[in-house]
Amino acid sequence: MDLHLNGKRALVTGASRGLGFAVGRGLALEGCRVALNSRDPQRVESAARALQEATGSEVYAIPGDVTGPENPERIVRQAAQALGGLDLLVTNAGGPPPGKFEAFDEAAWQQAVELSFLSHVRLIRAALPYLRQSETPSVLTITSITVKQPIPGLVLSNSVRAATVGLTKTLALELGNEGIRFNSILPSWTKTERVIQLMEHRARQNGTSVEEEIRKQAAQSPLGRMAEPEEFANAAVFLLSPAASYLTGVMLPVDGGMYKGTL
């Protein structure tokens, strides 16, 4: 199936590793010209070089912390300058730390809002002038299955990420008449560095091993395993692509059936 992505210009944030890197790789393999963002300059430079060598596509590194109020506008501007415009935007950031409600003070809540909600707001707001000049504009917010099914010990993620889903759906309704599509993917447990950190936290809390916690969590899926980052990326690349031109306002769980609800 031709996704019609060859030559499209994409910015992916939080992309030096994990889900963001996998999406950047998937887009580059489809012929997109890609700008990768991460707060770690050395890591994102290394990631961009690796993708360019592996795919033959143009890949640029745009360092910067998306939680800084002024940084998203600069990141988007530099990406658009490097790519000559912008067709696709993937807003992604690392998740808040694990813990229960009483473990977090006001500052922790504010940081979670900056990271898991306002970073999406600021990136999208900065990107809109460029997306309006594209023939195939598409935005994908990466959130979490926690917006449908809260996960114990993740009160910050459970709470704040829901705001990003509300934002995504609202923008799909507000800007659909301009041809700009907005969708979100709700990943569950995927083999990334972030998930390993969460499994380490669980192991400390439960007095078990990381391997045991991974086994228990994987058993919650009818498929009996966690996802690979490439499996998440395949869904993301399709939703972003012109091949999904009639899909907007979609909140897609990529969770191996771990979410047990019907809606």
C-alpha atoms as a PDB file:
ATOM      1  CA  MET A   1       0.000   0.000   0.000  1.00  0.00           C
ATOM      2  CA  ASP A   2       1.393   3.392  -0.988  1.00  0.00           C
ATOM      3  CA  LEU A   3       1.035   5.764   1.978  1.00  0.00           C
ATOM      4  CA  HIS A   4       1.927   8.764  -0.226  1.00  0.00           C
ATOM      5  CA  LEU A   5       4.536   9.952   2.273  1.00  0.00           C
ATOM      6  CA  ASN A   6       7.524  10.259  -0.022  1.00  0.00           C
ATOM      7  CA  GLY A   7       8.956  13.763   0.240  1.00  0.00           C
ATOM      8  CA  LYS A   8       6.673  14.842   3.111  1.00  0.00           C
ATOM      9  CA  ARG A   9       8.242  17.001   5.827  1.00  0.00           C
ATOM     10  CA  ALA A  10       7.875  15.798   9.403  1.00  0.00           C
ATOM     11  CA  LEU A  11       8.873  16.987  12.873  1.00  0.00           C
ATOM     12  CA  VAL A  12       8.902  14.393  15.654  1.00  0.00           C
ATOM     13  CA  THR A  13       9.614  15.522  19.213  1.00  0.00           C
ATOM     14  CA  GLY A  14      10.969  13.348  21.996  1.00  0.00           C
ATOM     15  CA  ALA A  15      12.591  11.312  19.260  1.00  0.00           C
ATOM     16  CA  SER A  16      16.125  10.383  20.267  1.00  0.00           C
ATOM     17  CA  ARG A  17      14.875   7.017  21.544  1.00  0.00           C
ATOM     18  CA  GLY A  18      11.733   5.042  22.357  1.00  0.00           C
ATOM     19  CA  LEU A  19       8.433   5.649  20.604  1.00  0.00           C
ATOM     20  CA  GLY A  20       9.483   8.966  19.061  1.00  0.00           C
ATOM     21  CA  PHE A  21      12.580   7.456  17.485  1.00  0.00           C
ATOM     22  CA  ALA A  22      10.557   4.519  16.156  1.00  0.00           C
ATOM     23  CA  VAL A  23       8.049   6.903  14.527  1.00  0.00           C
ATOM     24  CA  GLY A  24      10.866   8.975  13.016  1.00  0.00           C
ATOM     25  CA  ARG A  25      12.403   5.813  11.608  1.00  0.00           C
ATOM     26  CA  GLY A  26       9.090   4.656  10.182  1.00  0.00           C
ATOM     27  CA  LEU A  27       8.534   8.002   8.466  1.00  0.00           C
ATOM     28  CA  ALA A  28      12.074   8.070   7.081  1.00  0.00           C
ATOM     29  CA  LEU A  29      11.644   4.561   5.685  1.00  0.00           C
ATOM     30  CA  GLU A  30       8.575   5.832   3.810  1.00  0.00           C
ATOM     31  CA  GLY A  31      10.676   8.586   2.226  1.00  0.00           C
ATOM     32  CA  CYS A  32       9.806  11.476   4.538  1.00  0.00           C
ATOM     33  CA  ARG A  33      12.292  14.191   5.287  1.00  0.00           C
ATOM     34  CA  VAL A  34      12.420  14.188   9.068  1.00  0.00           C
ATOM     35  CA  ALA A  35      13.478  16.525  11.869  1.00  0.00           C
ATOM     36  CA  LEU A  36      14.072  14.778  15.187  1.00  0.00           C
ATOM     37  CA  ASN A  37      13.893  16.681  18.462  1.00  0.00           C
ATOM     38  CA  SER A  38      15.225  15.804  21.898  1.00  0.00           C
ATOM     39  CA  ARG A  39      16.478  17.787  24.879  1.00  0.00           C
ATOM     40  CA  ASP A  40      19.842  15.938  24.764  1.00  0.00           C
ATOM     41  CA  PRO A  41      21.924  17.439  21.907  1.00  0.00           C
ATOM     42  CA  GLN A  42      24.386  14.555  21.656  1.00  0.00           C
ATOM     43  CA  ARG A  43      21.706  11.888  21.745  1.00  0.00           C
ATOM     44  CA  VAL A  44      19.510  13.516  19.096  1.00  0.00           C
ATOM     45  CA  GLU A  45      22.502  14.142  16.815  1.00  0.00           C
ATOM     46  CA  SER A  46      23.429  10.468  17.120  1.00  0.00           C
ATOM     47  CA  ALA A  47      19.837   9.403  16.456  1.00  0.00           C
ATOM     48  CA  ALA A  48      19.608  11.602  13.344  1.00  0.00           C
ATOM     49  CA  ARG A  49      22.864  10.224  11.940  1.00  0.00           C
ATOM     50  CA  ALA A  50      21.744   6.649  12.577  1.00  0.00           C
ATOM     51  CA  LEU A  51      18.417   7.181  10.809  1.00  0.00           C
ATOM     52  CA  GLN A  52      19.967   8.929   7.838  1.00  0.00           C
ATOM     53  CA  GLU A  53      22.488   6.131   7.385  1.00  0.00           C
ATOM     54  CA  ALA A  54      19.838   3.411   7.811  1.00  0.00           C
ATOM     55  CA  THR A  55      17.161   4.917   5.555  1.00  0.00           C
ATOM     56  CA  GLY A  56      18.910   7.234   3.091  1.00  0.00           C
ATOM     57  CA  SER A  57      16.375   9.969   3.891  1.00  0.00           C
ATOM     58  CA  GLU A  58      17.204  13.488   5.006  1.00  0.00           C
ATOM     59  CA  VAL A  59      17.172  13.593   8.805  1.00  0.00           C
ATOM     60  CA  TYR A  60      17.920  16.677  10.902  1.00  0.00           C
ATOM     61  CA  ALA A  61      18.591  17.036  14.631  1.00  0.00           C
ATOM     62  CA  ILE A  62      16.805  19.851  16.478  1.00  0.00           C
ATOM     63  CA  PRO A  63      17.846  19.893  20.163  1.00  0.00           C
ATOM     64  CA  GLY A  64      15.646  21.549  22.776  1.00  0.00           C
ATOM     65  CA  ASP A  65      13.496  20.848  25.825  1.00  0.00           C
ATOM     66  CA  VAL A  66       9.809  21.025  24.838  1.00  0.00           C
ATOM     67  CA  THR A  67       8.829  21.926  28.414  1.00  0.00           C
ATOM     68  CA  GLY A  68      10.497  25.352  28.132  1.00  0.00           C
ATOM     69  CA  PRO A  69       7.855  28.012  27.294  1.00  0.00           C
ATOM     70  CA  GLU A  70       9.864  29.517  24.420  1.00  0.00           C
ATOM     71  CA  ASN A  71      11.472  26.329  23.125  1.00  0.00           C
ATOM     72  CA  PRO A  72       8.575  24.800  21.151  1.00  0.00           C
ATOM     73  CA  GLU A  73       8.299  27.828  18.860  1.00  0.00           C
ATOM     74  CA  ARG A  74      12.045  27.737  18.193  1.00  0.00           C
ATOM     75  CA  ILE A  75      12.057  23.971  17.612  1.00  0.00           C
ATOM     76  CA  VAL A  76       9.214  24.206  15.102  1.00  0.00           C
ATOM     77  CA  ARG A  77      10.779  27.187  13.338  1.00  0.00           C
ATOM     78  CA  GLN A  78      14.160  25.476  12.992  1.00  0.00           C
ATOM     79  CA  ALA A  79      12.539  22.276  11.727  1.00  0.00           C
ATOM     80  CA  ALA A  80      10.510  24.187   9.135  1.00  0.00           C
ATOM     81  CA  GLN A  81      13.588  26.082   8.011  1.00  0.00           C
ATOM     82  CA  ALA A  82      15.611  22.870   7.638  1.00  0.00           C
ATOM     83  CA  LEU A  83      12.819  21.053   5.799  1.00  0.00           C
ATOM     84  CA  GLY A  84      11.445  23.945   3.782  1.00  0.00           C
ATOM     85  CA  GLY A  85       8.073  23.747   5.487  1.00  0.00           C
ATOM     86  CA  LEU A  86       6.079  21.261   7.518  1.00  0.00           C
ATOM     87  CA  ASP A  87       3.448  18.666   6.592  1.00  0.00           C
ATOM     88  CA  LEU A  88       3.436  16.382   9.619  1.00  0.00           C
ATOM     89  CA  LEU A  89       3.843  17.021  13.340  1.00  0.00           C
ATOM     90  CA  VAL A  90       4.247  14.376  16.037  1.00  0.00           C
ATOM     91  CA  THR A  91       4.073  15.785  19.561  1.00  0.00           C
ATOM     92  CA  ASN A  92       5.710  13.449  22.041  1.00  0.00           C
ATOM     93  CA  ALA A  93       7.438  13.874  25.382  1.00  0.00           C
ATOM     94  CA  GLY A  94       8.625  11.601  28.144  1.00  0.00           C
ATOM     95  CA  GLY A  95       6.063  10.718  30.774  1.00  0.00           C
ATOM     96  CA  PRO A  96       5.818  12.050  34.333  1.00  0.00           C
ATOM     97  CA  PRO A  97       7.387  10.041  37.164  1.00  0.00           C
ATOM     98  CA  PRO A  98       5.462   7.187  38.766  1.00  0.00           C
ATOM     99  CA  GLY A  99       3.941   7.501  42.226  1.00  0.00           C
ATOM    100  CA  LYS A 100       0.725   7.838  44.177  1.00  0.00           C
ATOM    101  CA  PHE A 101      -1.246  11.049  44.793  1.00  0.00           C
ATOM    102  CA  GLU A 102       0.285  12.006  48.145  1.00  0.00           C
ATOM    103  CA  ALA A 103       3.832  11.588  46.843  1.00  0.00           C
ATOM    104  CA  PHE A 104       3.650  14.740  44.697  1.00  0.00           C
ATOM    105  CA  ASP A 105       3.706  18.399  45.643  1.00  0.00           C
ATOM    106  CA  GLU A 106       2.458  21.378  43.635  1.00  0.00           C
ATOM    107  CA  ALA A 107       5.738  21.682  41.737  1.00  0.00           C
ATOM    108  CA  ALA A 108       5.528  18.068  40.551  1.00  0.00           C
ATOM    109  CA  TRP A 109       1.998  18.619  39.257  1.00  0.00           C
ATOM    110  CA  GLN A 110       3.026  21.788  37.444  1.00  0.00           C
ATOM    111  CA  GLN A 111       5.977  20.003  35.826  1.00  0.00           C
ATOM    112  CA  ALA A 112       3.654  17.212  34.685  1.00  0.00           C
ATOM    113  CA  VAL A 113       1.321  19.770  33.094  1.00  0.00           C
ATOM    114  CA  GLU A 114       4.249  21.426  31.313  1.00  0.00           C
ATOM    115  CA  LEU A 115       5.574  18.093  30.049  1.00  0.00           C
ATOM    116  CA  SER A 116       2.430  16.149  29.181  1.00  0.00           C
ATOM    117  CA  PHE A 117      -0.003  18.887  28.172  1.00  0.00           C
ATOM    118  CA  LEU A 118       1.428  22.350  27.528  1.00  0.00           C
ATOM    119  CA  SER A 119       4.249  20.984  25.372  1.00  0.00           C
ATOM    120  CA  HIS A 120       1.576  19.715  22.942  1.00  0.00           C
ATOM    121  CA  VAL A 121      -0.298  23.031  23.074  1.00  0.00           C
ATOM    122  CA  ARG A 122       2.810  25.084  22.341  1.00  0.00           C
ATOM    123  CA  LEU A 123       4.140  22.834  19.578  1.00  0.00           C
ATOM    124  CA  ILE A 124       0.802  22.746  17.758  1.00  0.00           C
ATOM    125  CA  ARG A 125       0.298  26.499  18.103  1.00  0.00           C
ATOM    126  CA  ALA A 126       3.772  27.142  16.654  1.00  0.00           C
ATOM    127  CA  ALA A 127       3.256  24.658  13.819  1.00  0.00           C
ATOM    128  CA  LEU A 128      -0.149  25.842  12.600  1.00  0.00           C
ATOM    129  CA  PRO A 129       1.156  28.590  10.251  1.00  0.00           C
ATOM    130  CA  TYR A 130       3.338  26.002   8.478  1.00  0.00           C
ATOM    131  CA  LEU A 131       0.681  23.285   8.454  1.00  0.00           C
ATOM    132  CA  ARG A 132      -1.777  25.686   6.850  1.00  0.00           C
ATOM    133  CA  GLN A 133       0.582  25.940   3.880  1.00  0.00           C
ATOM    134  CA  SER A 134       0.688  22.140   3.431  1.00  0.00           C
ATOM    135  CA  GLU A 135      -1.549  20.166   1.092  1.00  0.00           C
ATOM    136  CA  THR A 136      -1.621  17.206   3.503  1.00  0.00           C
ATOM    137  CA  PRO A 137      -1.299  18.560   7.069  1.00  0.00           C
ATOM    138  CA  SER A 138      -1.527  16.017   9.856  1.00  0.00           C
ATOM    139  CA  VAL A 139      -0.832  16.123  13.600  1.00  0.00           C
ATOM    140  CA  LEU A 140      -0.388  13.137  15.901  1.00  0.00           C
ATOM    141  CA  THR A 141      -0.265  13.511  19.679  1.00  0.00           C
ATOM    142  CA  ILE A 142       1.242  10.615  21.579  1.00  0.00           C
ATOM    143  CA  THR A 143      -0.560  10.105  24.864  1.00  0.00           C
ATOM    144  CA  SER A 144      -1.228   6.880  26.797  1.00  0.00           C
ATOM    145  CA  ILE A 145      -3.773   4.154  27.380  1.00  0.00           C
ATOM    146  CA  THR A 146      -4.081   5.708  30.859  1.00  0.00           C
ATOM    147  CA  VAL A 147      -6.615   8.171  29.417  1.00  0.00           C
ATOM    148  CA  LYS A 148      -9.013   5.232  28.977  1.00  0.00           C
ATOM    149  CA  GLN A 149      -7.919   2.961  31.800  1.00  0.00           C
ATOM    150  CA  PRO A 150      -5.922   4.558  34.653  1.00  0.00           C
ATOM    151  CA  ILE A 151      -2.886   2.587  35.743  1.00  0.00           C
ATOM    152  CA  PRO A 152      -2.173   2.245  39.484  1.00  0.00           C
ATOM    153  CA  GLY A 153       0.810   4.289  40.616  1.00  0.00           C
ATOM    154  CA  LEU A 154       0.694   6.690  37.657  1.00  0.00           C
ATOM    155  CA  VAL A 155      -1.543   9.453  39.015  1.00  0.00           C
ATOM    156  CA  LEU A 156       0.264  12.236  37.127  1.00  0.00           C
ATOM    157  CA  SER A 157       0.032  10.483  33.774  1.00  0.00           C
ATOM    158  CA  ASN A 158      -3.530   9.301  34.421  1.00  0.00           C
ATOM    159  CA  SER A 159      -4.643  12.861  35.103  1.00  0.00           C
ATOM    160  CA  VAL A 160      -2.689  15.153  32.815  1.00  0.00           C
ATOM    161  CA  ARG A 161      -2.602  13.133  29.607  1.00  0.00           C
ATOM    162  CA  ALA A 162      -6.398  13.208  29.476  1.00  0.00           C
ATOM    163  CA  ALA A 163      -6.164  16.941  28.777  1.00  0.00           C
ATOM    164  CA  THR A 164      -4.105  16.268  25.651  1.00  0.00           C
ATOM    165  CA  VAL A 165      -6.763  13.886  24.329  1.00  0.00           C
ATOM    166  CA  GLY A 166      -9.370  16.591  24.906  1.00  0.00           C
ATOM    167  CA  LEU A 167      -7.170  19.075  23.059  1.00  0.00           C
ATOM    168  CA  THR A 168      -6.648  16.692  20.139  1.00  0.00           C
ATOM    169  CA  LYS A 169     -10.339  15.971  19.683  1.00  0.00           C
ATOM    170  CA  THR A 170     -11.241  19.650  19.957  1.00  0.00           C
ATOM    171  CA  LEU A 171      -8.680  20.687  17.346  1.00  0.00           C
ATOM    172  CA  ALA A 172      -9.932  17.962  14.990  1.00  0.00           C
ATOM    173  CA  LEU A 173     -13.347  19.605  15.214  1.00  0.00           C
ATOM    174  CA  GLU A 174     -12.143  23.209  15.057  1.00  0.00           C
ATOM    175  CA  LEU A 175      -9.641  22.862  12.227  1.00  0.00           C
ATOM    176  CA  GLY A 176     -11.106  20.090  10.112  1.00  0.00           C
ATOM    177  CA  ASN A 177     -12.605  22.669   7.760  1.00  0.00           C
ATOM    178  CA  GLU A 178      -9.039  23.728   6.959  1.00  0.00           C
ATOM    179  CA  GLY A 179      -8.066  20.164   6.097  1.00  0.00           C
ATOM    180  CA  ILE A 180      -5.783  19.720   9.118  1.00  0.00           C
ATOM    181  CA  ARG A 181      -6.183  16.291  10.695  1.00  0.00           C
ATOM    182  CA  PHE A 182      -5.574  15.650  14.408  1.00  0.00           C
ATOM    183  CA  ASN A 183      -5.310  12.160  15.876  1.00  0.00           C
ATOM    184  CA  SER A 184      -3.821  10.576  18.977  1.00  0.00           C
ATOM    185  CA  ILE A 185      -2.293   7.196  19.703  1.00  0.00           C
ATOM    186  CA  LEU A 186      -2.746   5.705  23.166  1.00  0.00           C
ATOM    187  CA  PRO A 187       0.134   3.259  23.661  1.00  0.00           C
ATOM    188  CA  SER A 188       0.102   0.694  26.403  1.00  0.00           C
ATOM    189  CA  TRP A 189       3.130  -1.296  27.482  1.00  0.00           C
ATOM    190  CA  THR A 190       5.834  -1.124  24.811  1.00  0.00           C
ATOM    191  CA  LYS A 191       9.461  -2.199  25.160  1.00  0.00           C
ATOM    192  CA  THR A 192      11.059   1.220  25.644  1.00  0.00           C
ATOM    193  CA  GLU A 193      13.459   2.740  28.155  1.00  0.00           C
ATOM    194  CA  ARG A 194      10.526   4.493  29.835  1.00  0.00           C
ATOM    195  CA  VAL A 195       8.694   1.204  30.410  1.00  0.00           C
ATOM    196  CA  ILE A 196      11.807  -0.447  31.821  1.00  0.00           C
ATOM    197  CA  GLN A 197      12.061   2.431  34.314  1.00  0.00           C
ATOM    198  CA  LEU A 198       8.434   1.883  35.332  1.00  0.00           C
ATOM    199  CA  MET A 199       9.064  -1.848  35.736  1.00  0.00           C
ATOM    200  CA  GLU A 200      12.096  -1.050  37.908  1.00  0.00           C
ATOM    201  CA  HIS A 201       9.862   1.154  40.083  1.00  0.00           C
ATOM    202  CA  ARG A 202       7.304  -1.665  40.420  1.00  0.00           C
ATOM    203  CA  ALA A 203      10.018  -4.172  41.268  1.00  0.00           C
ATOM    204  CA  ARG A 204      11.277  -1.961  44.097  1.00  0.00           C
ATOM    205  CA  GLN A 205       7.725  -1.444  45.387  1.00  0.00           C
ATOM    206  CA  ASN A 206       6.845  -5.154  45.236  1.00  0.00           C
ATOM    207  CA  GLY A 207      10.178  -6.673  46.193  1.00  0.00           C
ATOM    208  CA  THR A 208      10.395  -8.553  42.907  1.00  0.00           C
ATOM    209  CA  SER A 209      12.605  -8.429  39.800  1.00  0.00           C
ATOM    210  CA  VAL A 210      12.201  -6.359  36.649  1.00  0.00           C
ATOM    211  CA  GLU A 211      11.827  -9.586  34.674  1.00  0.00           C
ATOM    212  CA  GLU A 212       8.964 -10.745  36.904  1.00  0.00           C
ATOM    213  CA  GLU A 213       7.156  -7.409  36.578  1.00  0.00           C
ATOM    214  CA  ILE A 214       7.519  -7.491  32.784  1.00  0.00           C
ATOM    215  CA  ARG A 215       6.149 -11.037  32.717  1.00  0.00           C
ATOM    216  CA  LYS A 216       3.137 -10.090  34.860  1.00  0.00           C
ATOM    217  CA  GLN A 217       2.342  -7.043  32.761  1.00  0.00           C
ATOM    218  CA  ALA A 218       2.735  -8.874  29.449  1.00  0.00           C
ATOM    219  CA  ALA A 219       0.242 -11.464  30.679  1.00  0.00           C
ATOM    220  CA  GLN A 220      -2.450  -8.748  30.760  1.00  0.00           C
ATOM    221  CA  SER A 221      -2.507  -8.727  26.947  1.00  0.00           C
ATOM    222  CA  PRO A 222      -4.446 -11.423  25.077  1.00  0.00           C
ATOM    223  CA  LEU A 223      -1.341 -11.625  22.895  1.00  0.00           C
ATOM    224  CA  GLY A 224       0.767 -12.448  25.953  1.00  0.00           C
ATOM    225  CA  ARG A 225       3.493  -9.885  25.302  1.00  0.00           C
ATOM    226  CA  MET A 226       4.391  -6.228  25.236  1.00  0.00           C
ATOM    227  CA  ALA A 227       4.569  -4.298  21.976  1.00  0.00           C
ATOM    228  CA  GLU A 228       7.717  -3.605  20.017  1.00  0.00           C
ATOM    229  CA  PRO A 229       8.332   0.090  19.224  1.00  0.00           C
ATOM    230  CA  GLU A 230       8.079  -0.678  15.494  1.00  0.00           C
ATOM    231  CA  GLU A 231       4.528  -1.972  15.966  1.00  0.00           C
ATOM    232  CA  PHE A 232       3.512   1.318  17.523  1.00  0.00           C
ATOM    233  CA  ALA A 233       5.310   3.224  14.762  1.00  0.00           C
ATOM    234  CA  ASN A 234       3.462   1.354  12.010  1.00  0.00           C
ATOM    235  CA  ALA A 235       0.125   2.592  13.348  1.00  0.00           C
ATOM    236  CA  ALA A 236       1.475   6.119  13.817  1.00  0.00           C
ATOM    237  CA  VAL A 237       2.877   6.357  10.305  1.00  0.00           C
ATOM    238  CA  PHE A 238      -0.422   5.246   8.791  1.00  0.00           C
ATOM    239  CA  LEU A 239      -2.481   7.758  10.802  1.00  0.00           C
ATOM    240  CA  LEU A 240      -0.133  10.556   9.755  1.00  0.00           C
ATOM    241  CA  SER A 241      -0.167   9.594   6.105  1.00  0.00           C
ATOM    242  CA  PRO A 242      -2.426  10.850   3.286  1.00  0.00           C
ATOM    243  CA  ALA A 243      -3.629   7.247   3.027  1.00  0.00           C
ATOM    244  CA  ALA A 244      -5.604   7.948   6.232  1.00  0.00           C
ATOM    245  CA  SER A 245      -7.097  11.131   4.775  1.00  0.00           C
ATOM    246  CA  TYR A 246     -10.588  10.556   6.237  1.00  0.00           C
ATOM    247  CA  LEU A 247      -9.384   9.769   9.760  1.00  0.00           C
ATOM    248  CA  THR A 248      -9.416  12.658  12.207  1.00  0.00           C
ATOM    249  CA  GLY A 249     -10.321  12.912  15.886  1.00  0.00           C
ATOM    250  CA  VAL A 250      -9.282   9.275  16.353  1.00  0.00           C
ATOM    251  CA  MET A 251      -7.949   8.154  19.739  1.00  0.00           C
ATOM    252  CA  LEU A 252      -6.340   4.833  18.819  1.00  0.00           C
ATOM    253  CA  PRO A 253      -5.219   2.394  21.523  1.00  0.00           C
ATOM    254  CA  VAL A 254      -2.146   0.427  20.476  1.00  0.00           C
ATOM    255  CA  ASP A 255      -2.204  -1.874  23.454  1.00  0.00           C
ATOM    256  CA  GLY A 256      -2.404  -5.519  22.404  1.00  0.00           C
ATOM    257  CA  GLY A 257      -5.920  -5.734  23.860  1.00  0.00           C
ATOM    258  CA  MET A 258      -4.893  -4.707  27.393  1.00  0.00           C
ATOM    259  CA  TYR A 259      -7.693  -2.135  27.558  1.00  0.00           C
ATOM    260  CA  LYS A 260     -10.784  -4.136  28.437  1.00  0.00           C
ATOM    261  CA  GLY A 261     -13.495  -1.560  27.615  1.00  0.00           C
ATOM    262  CA  THR A 262     -15.686  -1.549  24.526  1.00  0.00           C
ATOM    263  CA  LEU A 263     -15.581   2.231  23.877  1.00  0.00           C
END
